[in-house]
Amino acid sequence: MTEPCLPECGVARFLTLLNGPWATLIVRELLHGPHRFTELREALPGISPHTLTSRLRQFERHGIVTRTTYAEIPPRVEYALTPLGEGLREVLEAMGDWAMGVPDPGVEAAV
């Protein structure tokens, strides 16, 4: 099965690569450094193992994440952002800054 081509539009491409809320939250966690699968699951309450595995594999295919397996007993696997993935730091910080500037309607109603 071949992967569909990425859209030509940069915004559409971004949304395709980081589809759904879990994708950006996984990247957010990996911005703190390499994580094991179980560490990511614990940091993201509510994510299913299937969803986490699917997103990590997609990121790996597109060069956003690396998967390193260590020859230990028991085996240890870590996921880390590539330089391409690290480039999302500024994007996510800008998104967070923008979102914190949006007024909370619940707070305004209480004032």
C-alpha atoms as a PDB file:
ATOM      1  CA  MET A   1       0.000   0.000   0.000  1.00  0.00           C
ATOM      2  CA  THR A   2       1.515   3.318  -1.043  1.00  0.00           C
ATOM      3  CA  GLU A   3       1.266   6.479   1.011  1.00  0.00           C
ATOM      4  CA  PRO A   4      -0.777   9.253  -0.647  1.00  0.00           C
ATOM      5  CA  CYS A   5       1.176  12.269  -1.903  1.00  0.00           C
ATOM      6  CA  LEU A   6       1.401  15.250   0.401  1.00  0.00           C
ATOM      7  CA  PRO A   7      -0.590  18.368  -0.582  1.00  0.00           C
ATOM      8  CA  GLU A   8       1.188  21.203  -2.411  1.00  0.00           C
ATOM      9  CA  CYS A   9      -0.157  23.872  -0.037  1.00  0.00           C
ATOM     10  CA  GLY A  10       2.087  24.275   3.026  1.00  0.00           C
ATOM     11  CA  VAL A  11      -0.799  24.651   5.481  1.00  0.00           C
ATOM     12  CA  ALA A  12      -2.608  21.623   4.062  1.00  0.00           C
ATOM     13  CA  ARG A  13       0.665  19.660   4.193  1.00  0.00           C
ATOM     14  CA  PHE A  14       1.181  20.643   7.842  1.00  0.00           C
ATOM     15  CA  LEU A  15      -2.373  19.581   8.719  1.00  0.00           C
ATOM     16  CA  THR A  16      -1.885  16.268   6.895  1.00  0.00           C
ATOM     17  CA  LEU A  17       1.353  15.500   8.743  1.00  0.00           C
ATOM     18  CA  LEU A  18       0.083  16.591  12.167  1.00  0.00           C
ATOM     19  CA  ASN A  19      -3.498  15.404  11.792  1.00  0.00           C
ATOM     20  CA  GLY A  20      -5.591  15.259  14.937  1.00  0.00           C
ATOM     21  CA  PRO A  21      -4.906  16.563  18.421  1.00  0.00           C
ATOM     22  CA  TRP A  22      -2.675  13.682  19.475  1.00  0.00           C
ATOM     23  CA  ALA A  23      -0.073  14.399  16.809  1.00  0.00           C
ATOM     24  CA  THR A  24       0.834  17.849  18.121  1.00  0.00           C
ATOM     25  CA  LEU A  25       0.747  16.622  21.726  1.00  0.00           C
ATOM     26  CA  ILE A  26       3.153  13.774  20.898  1.00  0.00           C
ATOM     27  CA  VAL A  27       5.533  16.274  19.320  1.00  0.00           C
ATOM     28  CA  ARG A  28       5.131  18.536  22.363  1.00  0.00           C
ATOM     29  CA  GLU A  29       6.287  15.703  24.630  1.00  0.00           C
ATOM     30  CA  LEU A  30       9.195  14.770  22.370  1.00  0.00           C
ATOM     31  CA  LEU A  31      10.391  18.397  22.419  1.00  0.00           C
ATOM     32  CA  HIS A  32      11.528  17.611  25.999  1.00  0.00           C
ATOM     33  CA  GLY A  33      13.855  14.870  24.698  1.00  0.00           C
ATOM     34  CA  PRO A  34      13.703  11.158  23.796  1.00  0.00           C
ATOM     35  CA  HIS A  35      10.879   9.122  25.304  1.00  0.00           C
ATOM     36  CA  ARG A  36       9.993   5.476  25.529  1.00  0.00           C
ATOM     37  CA  PHE A  37       6.573   4.346  24.342  1.00  0.00           C
ATOM     38  CA  THR A  38       5.263   3.883  27.889  1.00  0.00           C
ATOM     39  CA  GLU A  39       6.523   7.336  28.899  1.00  0.00           C
ATOM     40  CA  LEU A  40       4.595   8.876  26.028  1.00  0.00           C
ATOM     41  CA  ARG A  41       1.432   6.960  26.979  1.00  0.00           C
ATOM     42  CA  GLU A  42       1.715   8.141  30.583  1.00  0.00           C
ATOM     43  CA  ALA A  43       2.270  11.748  29.475  1.00  0.00           C
ATOM     44  CA  LEU A  44      -0.815  11.619  27.226  1.00  0.00           C
ATOM     45  CA  PRO A  45      -3.724  10.273  29.292  1.00  0.00           C
ATOM     46  CA  GLY A  46      -6.472   8.953  27.056  1.00  0.00           C
ATOM     47  CA  ILE A  47      -4.361   8.091  24.010  1.00  0.00           C
ATOM     48  CA  SER A  48      -4.777   4.506  22.873  1.00  0.00           C
ATOM     49  CA  PRO A  49      -1.725   2.344  22.165  1.00  0.00           C
ATOM     50  CA  HIS A  50      -2.996   1.949  18.588  1.00  0.00           C
ATOM     51  CA  THR A  51      -3.198   5.712  18.021  1.00  0.00           C
ATOM     52  CA  LEU A  52       0.225   6.344  19.560  1.00  0.00           C
ATOM     53  CA  THR A  53       1.817   3.592  17.467  1.00  0.00           C
ATOM     54  CA  SER A  54       0.121   4.844  14.301  1.00  0.00           C
ATOM     55  CA  ARG A  55       1.245   8.457  14.835  1.00  0.00           C
ATOM     56  CA  LEU A  56       4.819   7.457  15.694  1.00  0.00           C
ATOM     57  CA  ARG A  57       5.045   5.290  12.572  1.00  0.00           C
ATOM     58  CA  GLN A  58       3.690   8.120  10.413  1.00  0.00           C
ATOM     59  CA  PHE A  59       6.219  10.540  11.915  1.00  0.00           C
ATOM     60  CA  GLU A  60       8.987   8.025  11.298  1.00  0.00           C
ATOM     61  CA  ARG A  61       7.984   7.602   7.627  1.00  0.00           C
ATOM     62  CA  HIS A  62       8.109  11.366   7.105  1.00  0.00           C
ATOM     63  CA  GLY A  63      11.423  11.874   8.909  1.00  0.00           C
ATOM     64  CA  ILE A  64       9.977  13.742  11.893  1.00  0.00           C
ATOM     65  CA  VAL A  65      10.858  11.084  14.504  1.00  0.00           C
ATOM     66  CA  THR A  66      13.570   8.467  14.848  1.00  0.00           C
ATOM     67  CA  ARG A  67      13.068   5.123  16.555  1.00  0.00           C
ATOM     68  CA  THR A  68      16.150   3.705  18.261  1.00  0.00           C
ATOM     69  CA  THR A  69      16.220   0.133  19.553  1.00  0.00           C
ATOM     70  CA  TYR A  70      18.873  -0.714  22.132  1.00  0.00           C
ATOM     71  CA  ALA A  71      20.192  -4.275  22.328  1.00  0.00           C
ATOM     72  CA  GLU A  72      19.424  -4.769  25.997  1.00  0.00           C
ATOM     73  CA  ILE A  73      17.394  -7.249  27.971  1.00  0.00           C
ATOM     74  CA  PRO A  74      14.599  -6.296  28.083  1.00  0.00           C
ATOM     75  CA  PRO A  75      14.874  -4.391  24.789  1.00  0.00           C
ATOM     76  CA  ARG A  76      14.599  -0.624  25.076  1.00  0.00           C
ATOM     77  CA  VAL A  77      13.121   1.546  22.322  1.00  0.00           C
ATOM     78  CA  GLU A  78      13.254   5.327  22.340  1.00  0.00           C
ATOM     79  CA  TYR A  79      11.600   7.885  20.106  1.00  0.00           C
ATOM     80  CA  ALA A  80      13.206  11.257  19.439  1.00  0.00           C
ATOM     81  CA  LEU A  81      12.621  14.182  17.134  1.00  0.00           C
ATOM     82  CA  THR A  82      14.876  14.571  14.126  1.00  0.00           C
ATOM     83  CA  PRO A  83      16.164  18.045  13.191  1.00  0.00           C
ATOM     84  CA  LEU A  84      13.081  18.297  10.957  1.00  0.00           C
ATOM     85  CA  GLY A  85      10.868  17.469  13.947  1.00  0.00           C
ATOM     86  CA  GLU A  86      12.758  19.942  16.140  1.00  0.00           C
ATOM     87  CA  GLY A  87      11.746  22.597  13.624  1.00  0.00           C
ATOM     88  CA  LEU A  88       8.214  22.265  15.002  1.00  0.00           C
ATOM     89  CA  ARG A  89       9.313  23.856  18.305  1.00  0.00           C
ATOM     90  CA  GLU A  90       8.798  27.414  17.034  1.00  0.00           C
ATOM     91  CA  VAL A  91       5.525  26.472  15.364  1.00  0.00           C
ATOM     92  CA  LEU A  92       4.073  24.933  18.543  1.00  0.00           C
ATOM     93  CA  GLU A  93       5.349  27.800  20.702  1.00  0.00           C
ATOM     94  CA  ALA A  94       3.680  30.296  18.341  1.00  0.00           C
ATOM     95  CA  MET A  95       0.446  28.279  18.437  1.00  0.00           C
ATOM     96  CA  GLY A  96       0.551  28.233  22.242  1.00  0.00           C
ATOM     97  CA  ASP A  97       1.244  31.982  22.477  1.00  0.00           C
ATOM     98  CA  TRP A  98      -1.594  32.739  20.083  1.00  0.00           C
ATOM     99  CA  ALA A  99      -4.037  30.461  21.932  1.00  0.00           C
ATOM    100  CA  MET A 100      -3.228  32.032  25.319  1.00  0.00           C
ATOM    101  CA  GLY A 101      -4.265  35.418  23.847  1.00  0.00           C
ATOM    102  CA  VAL A 102      -7.756  34.188  23.006  1.00  0.00           C
ATOM    103  CA  PRO A 103     -10.155  35.351  25.739  1.00  0.00           C
ATOM    104  CA  ASP A 104     -11.945  32.630  27.705  1.00  0.00           C
ATOM    105  CA  PRO A 105     -15.697  33.340  27.370  1.00  0.00           C
ATOM    106  CA  GLY A 106     -16.343  31.615  30.709  1.00  0.00           C
ATOM    107  CA  VAL A 107     -14.004  33.997  32.527  1.00  0.00           C
ATOM    108  CA  GLU A 108     -15.472  37.110  30.910  1.00  0.00           C
ATOM    109  CA  ALA A 109     -18.998  36.091  31.907  1.00  0.00           C
ATOM    110  CA  ALA A 110     -17.934  35.690  35.542  1.00  0.00           C
ATOM    111  CA  VAL A 111     -16.423  39.228  35.733  1.00  0.00           C
END
